[in-house]
Amino acid sequence: MPRLRISMEIEIEVPRFSDIKEVASNSILVAKNLFHATGNAAWIAGISFIVLVIPLVMAVDREQNQINQLDSHVST
């Protein structure tokens, strides 16, 4: 019975130190830029909250106080 012989060659390229250093440097740069962008987004969200939501809460509170005063005048 004839036998079939299959051989495979696998060639693995080992990365050089300079390649690893470049990848690490790029990763740090991306992380730094992401951190900076996230900080900017958080700052914008915080300022928007202060400018838009705080006055709304104060207006609702003032209106609720006026309603409470009217109720106390009506009940007396």
N, C-alpha and C. Protein backbone atom coordinates (compact mmCIF):
# COMPACT_ATOMS: atom_id res chain seq x y z
N MET A 1 0.84 -1.17 0.00
CA MET A 1 0.00 0.00 0.00
C MET A 1 0.89 1.25 0.00
N PRO A 2 0.71 2.18 -0.93
CA PRO A 2 1.56 3.38 -1.00
C PRO A 2 1.18 4.36 0.12
N ARG A 3 2.16 5.03 0.64
CA ARG A 3 1.93 6.02 1.70
C ARG A 3 2.10 7.42 1.11
N LEU A 4 1.24 8.28 1.59
CA LEU A 4 1.31 9.68 1.17
C LEU A 4 2.06 10.47 2.24
N ARG A 5 3.06 11.15 1.83
CA ARG A 5 3.86 11.90 2.78
C ARG A 5 3.64 13.40 2.53
N ILE A 6 3.21 14.08 3.60
CA ILE A 6 2.97 15.53 3.51
C ILE A 6 3.90 16.21 4.49
N SER A 7 4.57 17.18 4.01
CA SER A 7 5.43 17.96 4.91
C SER A 7 5.07 19.43 4.78
N MET A 8 5.11 20.09 5.90
CA MET A 8 4.80 21.52 5.91
C MET A 8 5.94 22.25 6.59
N GLU A 9 6.24 23.40 6.06
CA GLU A 9 7.24 24.25 6.69
C GLU A 9 6.53 25.48 7.23
N ILE A 10 6.76 25.75 8.47
CA ILE A 10 6.18 26.94 9.10
C ILE A 10 7.32 27.88 9.44
N GLU A 11 7.18 29.08 8.95
CA GLU A 11 8.21 30.08 9.21
C GLU A 11 7.61 31.15 10.10
N ILE A 12 8.18 31.32 11.25
CA ILE A 12 7.71 32.32 12.20
C ILE A 12 8.75 33.41 12.30
N GLU A 13 8.28 34.62 12.11
CA GLU A 13 9.20 35.75 12.19
C GLU A 13 9.13 36.31 13.61
N VAL A 14 10.23 36.34 14.27
CA VAL A 14 10.31 36.88 15.62
C VAL A 14 10.45 38.40 15.52
N PRO A 15 9.56 39.13 16.22
CA PRO A 15 9.65 40.58 16.12
C PRO A 15 10.94 41.11 16.73
N ARG A 16 11.44 42.15 16.12
CA ARG A 16 12.65 42.79 16.62
C ARG A 16 12.29 43.68 17.80
N PHE A 17 13.27 43.99 18.61
CA PHE A 17 13.04 44.84 19.78
C PHE A 17 12.52 46.21 19.36
N SER A 18 13.03 46.74 18.26
CA SER A 18 12.59 48.07 17.81
C SER A 18 11.12 48.06 17.42
N ASP A 19 10.64 46.93 16.85
CA ASP A 19 9.22 46.82 16.51
C ASP A 19 8.37 46.81 17.77
N ILE A 20 8.81 46.06 18.77
CA ILE A 20 8.07 45.99 20.03
C ILE A 20 8.06 47.36 20.70
N LYS A 21 9.18 48.04 20.67
CA LYS A 21 9.28 49.38 21.26
C LYS A 21 8.34 50.36 20.54
N GLU A 22 8.26 50.26 19.23
CA GLU A 22 7.38 51.15 18.46
C GLU A 22 5.92 50.88 18.78
N VAL A 23 5.53 49.62 18.90
CA VAL A 23 4.15 49.28 19.24
C VAL A 23 3.81 49.80 20.63
N ALA A 24 4.72 49.63 21.58
CA ALA A 24 4.49 50.12 22.94
C ALA A 24 4.36 51.64 22.95
N SER A 25 5.21 52.31 22.20
CA SER A 25 5.16 53.77 22.13
C SER A 25 3.84 54.24 21.52
N ASN A 26 3.41 53.59 20.46
CA ASN A 26 2.14 53.95 19.83
C ASN A 26 0.97 53.69 20.78
N SER A 27 1.03 52.60 21.53
CA SER A 27 -0.04 52.29 22.48
C SER A 27 -0.14 53.36 23.56
N ILE A 28 1.00 53.80 24.04
CA ILE A 28 1.01 54.85 25.06
C ILE A 28 0.46 56.15 24.49
N LEU A 29 0.81 56.47 23.27
CA LEU A 29 0.32 57.69 22.63
C LEU A 29 -1.20 57.64 22.46
N VAL A 30 -1.73 56.51 22.03
CA VAL A 30 -3.18 56.36 21.86
C VAL A 30 -3.87 56.49 23.21
N ALA A 31 -3.33 55.86 24.25
CA ALA A 31 -3.93 55.94 25.58
C ALA A 31 -3.93 57.38 26.10
N LYS A 32 -2.84 58.09 25.86
CA LYS A 32 -2.75 59.49 26.29
C LYS A 32 -3.79 60.35 25.58
N ASN A 33 -3.93 60.17 24.27
CA ASN A 33 -4.92 60.94 23.51
C ASN A 33 -6.34 60.60 23.94
N LEU A 34 -6.59 59.33 24.21
CA LEU A 34 -7.92 58.91 24.67
C LEU A 34 -8.23 59.52 26.03
N PHE A 35 -7.25 59.51 26.93
CA PHE A 35 -7.43 60.11 28.25
C PHE A 35 -7.72 61.60 28.13
N HIS A 36 -7.00 62.28 27.25
CA HIS A 36 -7.20 63.71 27.05
C HIS A 36 -8.60 63.99 26.50
N ALA A 37 -9.02 63.21 25.51
CA ALA A 37 -10.35 63.41 24.91
C ALA A 37 -11.45 63.11 25.92
N THR A 38 -11.26 62.09 26.75
CA THR A 38 -12.25 61.76 27.77
C THR A 38 -12.35 62.88 28.80
N GLY A 39 -11.22 63.45 29.16
CA GLY A 39 -11.23 64.57 30.10
C GLY A 39 -11.96 65.77 29.53
N ASN A 40 -11.74 66.05 28.26
CA ASN A 40 -12.46 67.16 27.62
C ASN A 40 -13.96 66.90 27.58
N ALA A 41 -14.35 65.68 27.26
CA ALA A 41 -15.77 65.34 27.21
C ALA A 41 -16.41 65.47 28.59
N ALA A 42 -15.71 65.04 29.63
CA ALA A 42 -16.23 65.15 30.99
C ALA A 42 -16.37 66.62 31.40
N TRP A 43 -15.41 67.44 31.01
CA TRP A 43 -15.49 68.86 31.32
C TRP A 43 -16.69 69.50 30.64
N ILE A 44 -16.90 69.18 29.37
CA ILE A 44 -18.04 69.73 28.62
C ILE A 44 -19.35 69.27 29.24
N ALA A 45 -19.44 68.00 29.62
CA ALA A 45 -20.67 67.48 30.23
C ALA A 45 -20.93 68.17 31.57
N GLY A 46 -19.89 68.38 32.36
CA GLY A 46 -20.06 69.04 33.66
C GLY A 46 -20.52 70.48 33.52
N ILE A 47 -19.91 71.22 32.62
CA ILE A 47 -20.30 72.61 32.40
C ILE A 47 -21.73 72.68 31.86
N SER A 48 -22.08 71.79 30.94
CA SER A 48 -23.44 71.77 30.40
C SER A 48 -24.45 71.50 31.50
N PHE A 49 -24.12 70.59 32.42
CA PHE A 49 -25.01 70.29 33.54
C PHE A 49 -25.20 71.53 34.39
N ILE A 50 -24.11 72.22 34.69
CA ILE A 50 -24.21 73.42 35.53
C ILE A 50 -25.05 74.50 34.84
N VAL A 51 -24.83 74.70 33.56
CA VAL A 51 -25.52 75.78 32.84
C VAL A 51 -26.99 75.46 32.59
N LEU A 52 -27.31 74.20 32.31
CA LEU A 52 -28.68 73.86 31.92
C LEU A 52 -29.53 73.29 33.05
N VAL A 53 -29.00 72.43 33.86
CA VAL A 53 -29.83 71.69 34.83
C VAL A 53 -29.99 72.46 36.14
N ILE A 54 -28.95 73.08 36.64
CA ILE A 54 -29.04 73.78 37.93
C ILE A 54 -30.10 74.89 37.89
N PRO A 55 -30.15 75.75 36.88
CA PRO A 55 -31.22 76.75 36.84
C PRO A 55 -32.62 76.12 36.76
N LEU A 56 -32.74 75.00 36.08
CA LEU A 56 -34.03 74.32 36.01
C LEU A 56 -34.45 73.82 37.39
N VAL A 57 -33.54 73.24 38.13
CA VAL A 57 -33.84 72.75 39.48
C VAL A 57 -34.23 73.92 40.38
N MET A 58 -33.53 75.03 40.25
CA MET A 58 -33.85 76.20 41.07
C MET A 58 -35.23 76.75 40.72
N ALA A 59 -35.59 76.77 39.45
CA ALA A 59 -36.91 77.27 39.03
C ALA A 59 -38.02 76.35 39.54
N VAL A 60 -37.81 75.06 39.47
CA VAL A 60 -38.82 74.11 39.96
C VAL A 60 -38.98 74.25 41.46
N ASP A 61 -37.88 74.43 42.18
CA ASP A 61 -37.93 74.61 43.64
C ASP A 61 -38.67 75.90 44.00
N ARG A 62 -38.39 76.98 43.29
CA ARG A 62 -39.07 78.25 43.53
C ARG A 62 -40.57 78.11 43.29
N GLU A 63 -40.93 77.44 42.21
CA GLU A 63 -42.34 77.23 41.90
C GLU A 63 -43.03 76.38 42.97
N GLN A 64 -42.34 75.37 43.47
CA GLN A 64 -42.90 74.53 44.51
C GLN A 64 -43.10 75.33 45.80
N ASN A 65 -42.18 76.22 46.11
CA ASN A 65 -42.33 77.08 47.29
C ASN A 65 -43.53 78.00 47.14
N GLN A 66 -43.74 78.54 45.94
CA GLN A 66 -44.89 79.41 45.71
C GLN A 66 -46.19 78.63 45.87
N ILE A 67 -46.24 77.41 45.38
CA ILE A 67 -47.43 76.57 45.53
C ILE A 67 -47.69 76.29 47.00
N ASN A 68 -46.64 75.99 47.75
CA ASN A 68 -46.80 75.73 49.19
C ASN A 68 -47.30 76.96 49.92
N GLN A 69 -46.80 78.16 49.55
CA GLN A 69 -47.27 79.39 50.18
C GLN A 69 -48.73 79.64 49.86
N LEU A 70 -49.14 79.40 48.62
CA LEU A 70 -50.55 79.57 48.25
C LEU A 70 -51.44 78.61 49.02
N ASP A 71 -51.00 77.37 49.17
CA ASP A 71 -51.77 76.39 49.92
C ASP A 71 -51.91 76.80 51.39
N SER A 72 -50.85 77.36 51.95
CA SER A 72 -50.92 77.78 53.36
C SER A 72 -51.83 79.00 53.51
N HIS A 73 -51.87 79.91 52.52
CA HIS A 73 -52.77 81.07 52.58
C HIS A 73 -54.22 80.64 52.40
N VAL A 74 -54.47 79.69 51.55
CA VAL A 74 -55.83 79.22 51.29
C VAL A 74 -56.36 78.48 52.52
N SER A 75 -55.53 77.72 53.19
CA SER A 75 -55.99 76.93 54.33
C SER A 75 -56.20 77.80 55.57
N THR A 76 -55.64 79.03 55.61
CA THR A 76 -55.84 79.89 56.78
C THR A 76 -57.04 80.77 56.65
